[in-house]
């Protein structure tokens, strides 16, 4: 059960599939998957401001060190294919779709940070993430037990 929980903290989309092989019941698999994804979403959603500030600070330090040592500093591309994908998800699915699908398809940590970056000021976004986790956990657990049993 803990294996499913820990797996769900990182890659929620695949977390229910080991449940049948581990001998867990449908309910145990659902609860472990849902709890792991929700726990990880809470951690990364509520720490996202700090994590983004820390990343910005580290980039500024790297730039400063490079300039002080005379090494030319090359800025990383800001608009990558991954960033384009995230913007397309936001445009096509809106707030509710982003809250439901970003943690599922991108991974829970990255998806939660993306949702917090776009919609973190809105108080309904975290409950939408948890609700999306519950719906997706039911769907994925059902698929795992239909496919593997």
N, C-alpha and C. Protein backbone atom coordinates (compact mmCIF):
# COMPACT_ATOMS: atom_id res chain seq x y z
N UNK A 1 0.81 -1.19 0.00
CA UNK A 1 0.00 0.00 0.00
C UNK A 1 0.86 1.26 0.00
N UNK A 2 1.95 1.24 0.76
CA UNK A 2 2.84 2.39 0.80
C UNK A 2 3.55 2.60 -0.53
N UNK A 3 3.78 1.51 -1.25
CA UNK A 3 4.40 1.64 -2.57
C UNK A 3 3.52 2.42 -3.53
N UNK A 4 2.23 2.13 -3.50
CA UNK A 4 1.28 2.86 -4.35
C UNK A 4 1.22 4.32 -3.91
N UNK A 5 1.18 4.55 -2.61
CA UNK A 5 1.15 5.92 -2.07
C UNK A 5 2.37 6.70 -2.55
N UNK A 6 3.56 6.14 -2.37
CA UNK A 6 4.79 6.84 -2.75
C UNK A 6 4.88 7.05 -4.26
N UNK A 7 4.45 6.06 -5.02
CA UNK A 7 4.46 6.18 -6.48
C UNK A 7 3.51 7.30 -6.92
N UNK A 8 2.38 7.42 -6.25
CA UNK A 8 1.39 8.44 -6.59
C UNK A 8 1.88 9.85 -6.27
N UNK A 9 2.83 9.98 -5.36
CA UNK A 9 3.35 11.32 -5.06
C UNK A 9 4.14 11.89 -6.21
N UNK A 10 4.65 11.03 -7.08
CA UNK A 10 5.45 11.49 -8.20
C UNK A 10 4.70 11.33 -9.52
N UNK A 11 4.28 10.12 -9.83
CA UNK A 11 3.62 9.86 -11.12
C UNK A 11 2.26 9.25 -10.88
N UNK A 12 1.30 10.11 -10.69
CA UNK A 12 -0.05 9.72 -10.32
C UNK A 12 -0.73 8.88 -11.39
N UNK A 13 -0.46 9.17 -12.65
CA UNK A 13 -1.14 8.51 -13.75
C UNK A 13 -0.93 7.00 -13.74
N UNK A 14 0.21 6.54 -13.28
CA UNK A 14 0.53 5.11 -13.31
C UNK A 14 0.42 4.44 -11.95
N UNK A 15 0.07 5.19 -10.93
CA UNK A 15 0.17 4.68 -9.56
C UNK A 15 -0.81 3.57 -9.22
N UNK A 16 -1.97 3.53 -9.84
CA UNK A 16 -2.96 2.50 -9.49
C UNK A 16 -2.65 1.14 -10.10
N UNK A 17 -1.86 1.09 -11.13
CA UNK A 17 -1.64 -0.15 -11.86
C UNK A 17 -0.87 -1.22 -11.09
N UNK A 18 0.05 -0.89 -10.19
CA UNK A 18 0.67 -1.95 -9.39
C UNK A 18 -0.24 -2.55 -8.31
N UNK A 19 -1.35 -1.89 -8.00
CA UNK A 19 -2.26 -2.34 -6.94
C UNK A 19 -2.72 -3.77 -7.06
N UNK A 20 -3.27 -4.18 -8.21
CA UNK A 20 -3.71 -5.57 -8.34
C UNK A 20 -2.56 -6.58 -8.19
N UNK A 21 -1.40 -6.25 -8.72
CA UNK A 21 -0.26 -7.16 -8.62
C UNK A 21 0.25 -7.27 -7.18
N UNK A 22 0.02 -6.24 -6.38
CA UNK A 22 0.46 -6.25 -4.99
C UNK A 22 -0.57 -6.93 -4.08
N UNK A 23 -1.70 -7.32 -4.65
CA UNK A 23 -2.73 -7.99 -3.87
C UNK A 23 -3.62 -7.03 -3.08
N UNK A 24 -3.62 -5.77 -3.46
CA UNK A 24 -4.46 -4.79 -2.77
C UNK A 24 -5.88 -4.85 -3.29
N UNK A 25 -6.83 -4.50 -2.45
CA UNK A 25 -8.22 -4.41 -2.90
C UNK A 25 -8.40 -3.13 -3.70
N UNK A 26 -9.53 -3.04 -4.38
CA UNK A 26 -9.84 -1.84 -5.15
C UNK A 26 -9.81 -0.60 -4.25
N UNK A 27 -10.45 -0.69 -3.09
CA UNK A 27 -10.52 0.45 -2.18
C UNK A 27 -9.14 0.83 -1.65
N UNK A 28 -8.32 -0.14 -1.29
CA UNK A 28 -6.97 0.15 -0.81
C UNK A 28 -6.14 0.85 -1.88
N UNK A 29 -6.25 0.37 -3.11
CA UNK A 29 -5.51 0.97 -4.21
C UNK A 29 -5.99 2.39 -4.46
N UNK A 30 -7.31 2.58 -4.49
CA UNK A 30 -7.87 3.92 -4.69
C UNK A 30 -7.40 4.87 -3.60
N UNK A 31 -7.55 4.46 -2.35
CA UNK A 31 -7.18 5.35 -1.23
C UNK A 31 -5.69 5.68 -1.23
N UNK A 32 -4.85 4.68 -1.47
CA UNK A 32 -3.41 4.92 -1.48
C UNK A 32 -3.03 5.86 -2.63
N UNK A 33 -3.60 5.63 -3.79
CA UNK A 33 -3.30 6.47 -4.95
C UNK A 33 -3.80 7.90 -4.73
N UNK A 34 -5.02 8.03 -4.27
CA UNK A 34 -5.60 9.35 -4.02
C UNK A 34 -4.85 10.10 -2.92
N UNK A 35 -4.54 9.41 -1.83
CA UNK A 35 -3.83 10.05 -0.72
C UNK A 35 -2.42 10.49 -1.13
N UNK A 36 -1.72 9.65 -1.87
CA UNK A 36 -0.37 10.01 -2.31
C UNK A 36 -0.37 11.21 -3.24
N UNK A 37 -1.29 11.20 -4.22
CA UNK A 37 -1.38 12.33 -5.14
C UNK A 37 -1.80 13.60 -4.45
N UNK A 38 -2.76 13.51 -3.54
CA UNK A 38 -3.24 14.70 -2.82
C UNK A 38 -2.17 15.26 -1.89
N UNK A 39 -1.44 14.37 -1.23
CA UNK A 39 -0.35 14.81 -0.34
C UNK A 39 0.71 15.57 -1.13
N UNK A 40 1.14 14.99 -2.24
CA UNK A 40 2.16 15.62 -3.07
C UNK A 40 1.66 16.94 -3.65
N UNK A 41 0.39 16.97 -4.08
CA UNK A 41 -0.18 18.19 -4.62
C UNK A 41 -0.19 19.29 -3.57
N UNK A 42 -0.54 18.95 -2.34
CA UNK A 42 -0.56 19.95 -1.26
C UNK A 42 0.84 20.51 -1.02
N UNK A 43 1.81 19.63 -0.92
CA UNK A 43 3.18 20.07 -0.66
C UNK A 43 3.66 21.02 -1.75
N UNK A 44 3.53 20.62 -3.00
CA UNK A 44 4.08 21.42 -4.09
C UNK A 44 3.22 22.64 -4.41
N UNK A 45 1.91 22.55 -4.25
CA UNK A 45 1.04 23.70 -4.50
C UNK A 45 1.34 24.82 -3.51
N UNK A 46 1.43 24.47 -2.23
CA UNK A 46 1.62 25.49 -1.21
C UNK A 46 3.07 25.95 -1.06
N UNK A 47 4.01 25.18 -1.58
CA UNK A 47 5.42 25.60 -1.58
C UNK A 47 5.84 26.21 -2.92
N UNK A 48 4.94 26.31 -3.86
CA UNK A 48 5.31 26.75 -5.21
C UNK A 48 5.91 28.15 -5.25
N UNK A 49 5.36 29.08 -4.48
CA UNK A 49 5.93 30.44 -4.47
C UNK A 49 7.38 30.41 -4.01
N UNK A 50 7.63 29.70 -2.92
CA UNK A 50 8.99 29.60 -2.41
C UNK A 50 9.91 28.91 -3.41
N UNK A 51 9.44 27.83 -4.04
CA UNK A 51 10.25 27.09 -5.01
C UNK A 51 10.59 27.96 -6.23
N UNK A 52 9.62 28.74 -6.71
CA UNK A 52 9.88 29.60 -7.87
C UNK A 52 10.82 30.74 -7.51
N UNK A 53 10.68 31.32 -6.30
CA UNK A 53 11.61 32.37 -5.86
C UNK A 53 13.02 31.81 -5.71
N UNK A 54 13.12 30.61 -5.17
CA UNK A 54 14.43 29.97 -5.00
C UNK A 54 15.10 29.72 -6.35
N UNK A 55 14.33 29.24 -7.33
CA UNK A 55 14.89 29.00 -8.66
C UNK A 55 15.35 30.31 -9.30
N UNK A 56 14.56 31.37 -9.14
CA UNK A 56 14.94 32.67 -9.69
C UNK A 56 16.22 33.18 -9.01
N UNK A 57 16.32 33.00 -7.70
CA UNK A 57 17.51 33.43 -6.96
C UNK A 57 18.75 32.66 -7.42
N UNK A 58 18.60 31.34 -7.62
CA UNK A 58 19.74 30.53 -8.07
C UNK A 58 20.20 30.94 -9.47
N UNK A 59 19.24 31.27 -10.35
CA UNK A 59 19.63 31.75 -11.69
C UNK A 59 20.38 33.07 -11.60
N UNK A 60 19.92 33.96 -10.73
CA UNK A 60 20.59 35.25 -10.56
C UNK A 60 22.00 35.06 -10.00
N UNK A 61 22.16 34.13 -9.05
CA UNK A 61 23.49 33.85 -8.52
C UNK A 61 24.41 33.28 -9.59
N UNK A 62 23.91 32.38 -10.40
CA UNK A 62 24.73 31.79 -11.47
C UNK A 62 25.15 32.86 -12.47
N UNK A 63 24.23 33.75 -12.81
CA UNK A 63 24.55 34.85 -13.73
C UNK A 63 25.62 35.74 -13.13
N UNK A 64 25.48 36.08 -11.84
CA UNK A 64 26.44 36.95 -11.16
C UNK A 64 27.82 36.31 -11.10
N UNK A 65 27.89 35.01 -10.74
CA UNK A 65 29.17 34.31 -10.68
C UNK A 65 29.85 34.26 -12.05
N UNK A 66 29.06 34.01 -13.08
CA UNK A 66 29.62 33.95 -14.43
C UNK A 66 30.18 35.30 -14.85
N UNK A 67 29.47 36.37 -14.57
CA UNK A 67 29.95 37.71 -14.94
C UNK A 67 31.18 38.10 -14.13
N UNK A 68 31.24 37.74 -12.86
CA UNK A 68 32.40 38.05 -12.02
C UNK A 68 33.64 37.30 -12.47
N UNK A 69 33.48 36.08 -12.93
CA UNK A 69 34.63 35.29 -13.35
C UNK A 69 34.99 35.52 -14.81
N UNK A 70 34.22 36.33 -15.51
CA UNK A 70 34.52 36.64 -16.90
C UNK A 70 34.00 35.63 -17.90
N UNK A 71 33.27 34.65 -17.44
CA UNK A 71 32.70 33.64 -18.33
C UNK A 71 31.41 34.21 -18.91
N UNK A 72 31.25 34.11 -20.22
CA UNK A 72 29.99 34.63 -20.78
C UNK A 72 28.80 33.78 -20.31
N UNK A 73 27.78 34.45 -19.86
CA UNK A 73 26.60 33.77 -19.34
C UNK A 73 25.57 33.67 -20.45
N UNK A 74 25.13 32.46 -20.73
CA UNK A 74 24.13 32.23 -21.77
C UNK A 74 22.79 31.99 -21.09
N UNK A 75 21.84 32.86 -21.37
CA UNK A 75 20.49 32.71 -20.81
C UNK A 75 19.83 31.47 -21.42
N UNK A 76 19.09 30.73 -20.58
CA UNK A 76 18.34 29.59 -21.09
C UNK A 76 17.13 30.11 -21.84
N UNK A 77 16.69 29.31 -22.81
CA UNK A 77 15.50 29.68 -23.57
C UNK A 77 14.30 29.74 -22.62
N UNK A 78 13.52 30.80 -22.75
CA UNK A 78 12.36 30.95 -21.87
C UNK A 78 11.11 30.33 -22.48
N UNK A 79 11.06 30.25 -23.79
CA UNK A 79 9.87 29.70 -24.43
C UNK A 79 10.26 28.40 -25.12
N UNK A 80 10.19 27.32 -24.36
CA UNK A 80 10.57 26.01 -24.86
C UNK A 80 9.33 25.25 -25.33
N UNK A 81 9.54 24.08 -25.89
CA UNK A 81 8.40 23.24 -26.31
C UNK A 81 7.54 22.85 -25.12
N UNK A 82 8.18 22.58 -23.98
CA UNK A 82 7.44 22.22 -22.77
C UNK A 82 6.58 23.40 -22.30
N UNK A 83 7.16 24.61 -22.30
CA UNK A 83 6.38 25.79 -21.92
C UNK A 83 5.22 26.02 -22.88
N UNK A 84 5.44 25.78 -24.14
CA UNK A 84 4.37 25.92 -25.13
C UNK A 84 3.25 24.92 -24.85
N UNK A 85 3.61 23.69 -24.47
CA UNK A 85 2.62 22.67 -24.13
C UNK A 85 1.79 23.12 -22.92
N UNK A 86 2.44 23.66 -21.91
CA UNK A 86 1.73 24.12 -20.72
C UNK A 86 0.76 25.25 -21.06
N UNK A 87 1.18 26.18 -21.89
CA UNK A 87 0.30 27.29 -22.29
C UNK A 87 -0.88 26.76 -23.10
N UNK A 88 -0.64 25.79 -23.97
CA UNK A 88 -1.74 25.20 -24.74
C UNK A 88 -2.74 24.50 -23.83
N UNK A 89 -2.26 23.80 -22.81
CA UNK A 89 -3.16 23.16 -21.85
C UNK A 89 -4.02 24.22 -21.17
N UNK A 90 -3.39 25.31 -20.77
CA UNK A 90 -4.13 26.39 -20.09
C UNK A 90 -5.18 26.99 -21.01
N UNK A 91 -4.83 27.29 -22.24
CA UNK A 91 -5.76 27.92 -23.17
C UNK A 91 -6.91 26.99 -23.54
N UNK A 92 -6.59 25.73 -23.80
CA UNK A 92 -7.61 24.81 -24.30
C UNK A 92 -8.54 24.28 -23.20
N UNK A 93 -8.04 24.14 -21.98
CA UNK A 93 -8.85 23.52 -20.95
C UNK A 93 -9.36 24.49 -19.89
N UNK A 94 -8.77 25.66 -19.79
CA UNK A 94 -9.21 26.63 -18.79
C UNK A 94 -8.76 26.25 -17.39
N UNK A 95 -9.32 26.95 -16.42
CA UNK A 95 -8.93 26.75 -15.03
C UNK A 95 -9.27 25.34 -14.54
N UNK A 96 -10.49 24.89 -14.78
CA UNK A 96 -10.91 23.59 -14.28
C UNK A 96 -10.11 22.47 -14.95
N UNK A 97 -9.96 22.53 -16.25
CA UNK A 97 -9.19 21.52 -16.96
C UNK A 97 -7.74 21.49 -16.54
N UNK A 98 -7.16 22.66 -16.33
CA UNK A 98 -5.76 22.71 -15.90
C UNK A 98 -5.62 22.10 -14.51
N UNK A 99 -6.54 22.40 -13.61
CA UNK A 99 -6.50 21.83 -12.25
C UNK A 99 -6.68 20.31 -12.28
N UNK A 100 -7.51 19.81 -13.19
CA UNK A 100 -7.77 18.37 -13.28
C UNK A 100 -6.65 17.63 -14.00
N UNK A 101 -6.15 18.19 -15.11
CA UNK A 101 -5.29 17.43 -16.00
C UNK A 101 -3.79 17.68 -15.84
N UNK A 102 -3.38 18.87 -15.42
CA UNK A 102 -1.94 19.15 -15.30
C UNK A 102 -1.25 18.21 -14.32
N UNK A 103 -1.78 18.00 -13.10
CA UNK A 103 -1.09 17.05 -12.20
C UNK A 103 -1.11 15.61 -12.72
N UNK A 104 -2.12 15.27 -13.51
CA UNK A 104 -2.21 13.91 -14.04
C UNK A 104 -1.18 13.68 -15.15
N UNK A 105 -1.13 14.57 -16.12
CA UNK A 105 -0.29 14.34 -17.29
C UNK A 105 1.15 14.83 -17.13
N UNK A 106 1.38 15.87 -16.36
CA UNK A 106 2.74 16.42 -16.23
C UNK A 106 3.53 15.78 -15.09
N UNK A 107 2.89 15.23 -14.13
CA UNK A 107 3.36 14.68 -12.86
C UNK A 107 2.80 15.58 -11.78
N UNK A 108 2.60 15.05 -10.62
CA UNK A 108 1.95 15.81 -9.55
C UNK A 108 2.77 17.03 -9.14
N UNK A 109 4.08 16.91 -8.90
CA UNK A 109 4.83 18.11 -8.49
C UNK A 109 4.81 19.21 -9.55
N UNK A 110 5.12 18.87 -10.78
CA UNK A 110 5.16 19.89 -11.84
C UNK A 110 3.76 20.45 -12.11
N UNK A 111 2.77 19.59 -12.20
CA UNK A 111 1.41 20.04 -12.45
C UNK A 111 0.88 20.95 -11.36
N UNK A 112 1.17 20.63 -10.11
CA UNK A 112 0.71 21.47 -9.00
C UNK A 112 1.38 22.84 -9.02
N UNK A 113 2.66 22.87 -9.35
CA UNK A 113 3.36 24.15 -9.44
C UNK A 113 2.82 24.98 -10.60
N UNK A 114 2.53 24.33 -11.73
CA UNK A 114 1.96 25.03 -12.88
C UNK A 114 0.60 25.64 -12.52
N UNK A 115 -0.24 24.86 -11.87
CA UNK A 115 -1.56 25.37 -11.47
C UNK A 115 -1.40 26.53 -10.51
N UNK A 116 -0.48 26.41 -9.55
CA UNK A 116 -0.27 27.49 -8.59
C UNK A 116 0.27 28.74 -9.27
N UNK A 117 1.10 28.56 -10.29
CA UNK A 117 1.65 29.71 -11.00
C UNK A 117 0.55 30.46 -11.76
N UNK A 118 -0.33 29.73 -12.42
CA UNK A 118 -1.39 30.37 -13.20
C UNK A 118 -2.57 30.83 -12.36
N UNK A 119 -2.98 30.01 -11.40
CA UNK A 119 -4.23 30.26 -10.68
C UNK A 119 -4.05 30.27 -9.16
N UNK A 120 -2.85 30.46 -8.66
CA UNK A 120 -2.59 30.38 -7.23
C UNK A 120 -3.31 31.41 -6.38
N UNK A 121 -3.69 32.52 -6.96
CA UNK A 121 -4.39 33.56 -6.19
C UNK A 121 -5.87 33.24 -5.99
N UNK A 122 -6.39 32.26 -6.73
CA UNK A 122 -7.80 31.89 -6.61
C UNK A 122 -7.93 30.79 -5.57
N UNK A 123 -8.82 30.98 -4.61
CA UNK A 123 -8.92 30.03 -3.50
C UNK A 123 -9.54 28.70 -3.88
N UNK A 124 -10.21 28.62 -5.03
CA UNK A 124 -10.85 27.36 -5.41
C UNK A 124 -9.93 26.41 -6.17
N UNK A 125 -8.72 26.82 -6.50
CA UNK A 125 -7.88 25.96 -7.32
C UNK A 125 -7.40 24.71 -6.59
N UNK A 126 -6.98 24.84 -5.34
CA UNK A 126 -6.51 23.63 -4.64
C UNK A 126 -7.64 22.62 -4.44
N UNK A 127 -8.84 23.03 -4.00
CA UNK A 127 -9.93 22.05 -3.93
C UNK A 127 -10.24 21.41 -5.29
N UNK A 128 -10.09 22.17 -6.38
CA UNK A 128 -10.29 21.59 -7.71
C UNK A 128 -9.24 20.53 -8.02
N UNK A 129 -8.00 20.77 -7.59
CA UNK A 129 -6.95 19.77 -7.79
C UNK A 129 -7.30 18.49 -7.04
N UNK A 130 -7.72 18.62 -5.78
CA UNK A 130 -8.07 17.44 -4.97
C UNK A 130 -9.27 16.71 -5.58
N UNK A 131 -10.27 17.46 -6.01
CA UNK A 131 -11.44 16.84 -6.65
C UNK A 131 -11.02 16.11 -7.92
N UNK A 132 -10.15 16.72 -8.72
CA UNK A 132 -9.63 16.07 -9.92
C UNK A 132 -8.84 14.82 -9.59
N UNK A 133 -8.07 14.86 -8.50
CA UNK A 133 -7.33 13.67 -8.06
C UNK A 133 -8.30 12.54 -7.73
N UNK A 134 -9.39 12.86 -7.04
CA UNK A 134 -10.36 11.83 -6.66
C UNK A 134 -10.99 11.20 -7.90
N UNK A 135 -11.44 12.04 -8.84
CA UNK A 135 -12.05 11.51 -10.06
C UNK A 135 -11.06 10.69 -10.86
N UNK A 136 -9.85 11.22 -11.03
CA UNK A 136 -8.84 10.49 -11.78
C UNK A 136 -8.42 9.21 -11.08
N UNK A 137 -8.38 9.21 -9.75
CA UNK A 137 -8.03 7.98 -9.01
C UNK A 137 -9.08 6.91 -9.21
N UNK A 138 -10.35 7.29 -9.21
CA UNK A 138 -11.41 6.31 -9.47
C UNK A 138 -11.27 5.73 -10.87
N UNK A 139 -11.07 6.59 -11.85
CA UNK A 139 -10.94 6.14 -13.24
C UNK A 139 -9.73 5.23 -13.41
N UNK A 140 -8.58 5.65 -12.89
CA UNK A 140 -7.35 4.88 -13.07
C UNK A 140 -7.39 3.56 -12.29
N UNK A 141 -7.96 3.57 -11.09
CA UNK A 141 -8.07 2.34 -10.32
C UNK A 141 -9.03 1.37 -11.01
N UNK A 142 -10.11 1.89 -11.55
CA UNK A 142 -11.04 1.03 -12.28
C UNK A 142 -10.36 0.42 -13.50
N UNK A 143 -9.61 1.22 -14.22
CA UNK A 143 -8.85 0.69 -15.38
C UNK A 143 -7.85 -0.38 -14.92
N UNK A 144 -7.16 -0.13 -13.83
CA UNK A 144 -6.17 -1.10 -13.35
C UNK A 144 -6.81 -2.44 -13.00
N UNK A 145 -7.98 -2.40 -12.39
CA UNK A 145 -8.63 -3.65 -11.99
C UNK A 145 -9.37 -4.32 -13.14
N UNK A 146 -9.82 -3.56 -14.13
CA UNK A 146 -10.46 -4.16 -15.30
C UNK A 146 -9.41 -4.78 -16.21
N UNK A 147 -8.29 -4.10 -16.40
CA UNK A 147 -7.23 -4.58 -17.30
C UNK A 147 -6.47 -5.75 -16.70
N UNK A 148 -6.13 -5.68 -15.41
CA UNK A 148 -5.24 -6.67 -14.82
C UNK A 148 -5.95 -7.77 -14.03
N UNK A 149 -7.27 -7.76 -13.98
CA UNK A 149 -7.95 -8.85 -13.27
C UNK A 149 -8.84 -9.62 -14.17
